[in-house]
Amino acid sequence: MKFEAHINIMPHKALLDPQGKAVTGSMKNIGLPNVHDVRIGKHITMELEAANEQEASSMVEQACTKLLANLIMESFEFTIKQV
């Protein structure tokens, strides 16, 4: 079966996010002074083939922990749907 995964990787809340801080600081310059605490991460989509959703989930988890996310600095979450 074919599956599609949507993965969100974000810096840990406890860590400084320099890109997010820069964007937060620029919000007032574009007329959005009430926007606070912007955090910038990555969104990854992945298509994969697996026997079932549990196997697909395991494959995505492995990809995230071994390659896509730096677990020291980032956390991840994902959703999977059959296509």
Protein backbone atom coordinates (compact mmCIF):
# COMPACT_ATOMS: atom_id res chain seq x y z
CA MET A 1 0.00 0.00 0.00
CA LYS A 2 1.10 3.57 -0.61
CA PHE A 3 1.19 6.11 2.18
CA GLU A 4 1.94 9.80 2.44
CA ALA A 5 3.58 11.21 5.54
CA HIS A 6 3.59 14.84 6.63
CA ILE A 7 6.40 15.55 9.08
CA ASN A 8 6.89 18.71 11.13
CA ILE A 9 10.29 19.30 12.73
CA MET A 10 10.65 22.16 15.18
CA PRO A 11 13.41 23.43 17.45
CA HIS A 12 12.91 22.53 21.13
CA LYS A 13 11.05 25.27 23.00
CA ALA A 14 13.95 25.67 25.44
CA LEU A 15 16.40 26.55 22.65
CA LEU A 16 16.87 29.91 21.01
CA ASP A 17 15.43 30.09 17.49
CA PRO A 18 17.43 32.86 15.73
CA GLN A 19 15.30 32.77 12.56
CA GLY A 20 12.12 32.95 14.61
CA LYS A 21 13.47 35.85 16.67
CA ALA A 22 14.40 37.77 13.49
CA VAL A 23 10.95 37.23 12.01
CA THR A 24 9.25 38.16 15.29
CA GLY A 25 11.24 41.40 15.37
CA SER A 26 10.23 42.22 11.80
CA MET A 27 6.51 41.72 12.32
CA LYS A 28 5.99 45.27 13.63
CA ASN A 29 7.70 46.61 10.48
CA ILE A 30 4.97 45.07 8.33
CA GLY A 31 2.11 46.25 10.51
CA LEU A 32 1.72 43.17 12.72
CA PRO A 33 2.94 44.33 16.16
CA ASN A 34 0.77 41.81 18.04
CA VAL A 35 2.56 38.74 16.61
CA HIS A 36 4.89 37.20 19.20
CA ASP A 37 7.15 34.18 19.60
CA VAL A 38 7.51 33.02 16.00
CA ARG A 39 9.28 29.65 15.70
CA ILE A 40 10.57 28.38 12.38
CA GLY A 41 10.96 24.72 11.54
CA LYS A 42 10.74 22.32 8.62
CA HIS A 43 7.83 20.57 6.93
CA ILE A 44 8.63 17.42 4.99
CA THR A 45 6.31 15.27 2.89
CA MET A 46 7.24 11.71 2.06
CA GLU A 47 5.60 9.00 0.00
CA LEU A 48 6.35 5.41 0.94
CA GLU A 49 5.14 1.88 0.42
CA ALA A 50 4.42 -0.39 3.35
CA ALA A 51 2.27 -3.41 4.17
CA ASN A 52 0.14 -1.40 6.63
CA GLU A 53 -0.07 1.90 8.49
CA GLN A 54 1.89 0.59 11.48
CA GLU A 55 4.83 -0.38 9.24
CA ALA A 56 4.65 2.99 7.46
CA SER A 57 4.67 4.78 10.81
CA SER A 58 7.70 2.79 11.91
CA MET A 59 9.54 3.71 8.70
CA VAL A 60 8.80 7.43 9.13
CA GLU A 61 9.86 7.30 12.80
CA GLN A 62 13.15 5.69 11.78
CA ALA A 63 13.75 8.29 9.04
CA CYS A 64 13.13 11.10 11.50
CA THR A 65 15.29 9.75 14.31
CA LYS A 66 18.20 8.67 12.12
CA LEU A 67 18.31 11.36 9.42
CA LEU A 68 15.70 14.12 9.27
CA ALA A 69 15.72 15.55 12.80
CA ASN A 70 18.57 16.45 15.11
CA LEU A 71 17.05 15.09 18.31
CA ILE A 72 19.40 17.13 20.49
CA MET A 73 17.94 20.37 19.14
CA GLU A 74 14.67 19.39 17.45
CA SER A 75 11.46 17.47 18.03
CA PHE A 76 9.19 16.01 15.39
CA GLU A 77 5.63 14.89 14.85
CA PHE A 78 3.99 13.35 11.83
CA THR A 79 0.75 12.15 10.31
CA ILE A 80 0.30 9.35 7.82
CA LYS A 81 -2.51 8.68 5.40
CA GLN A 82 -3.04 6.00 2.80
CA VAL A 83 -3.08 7.27 -0.79
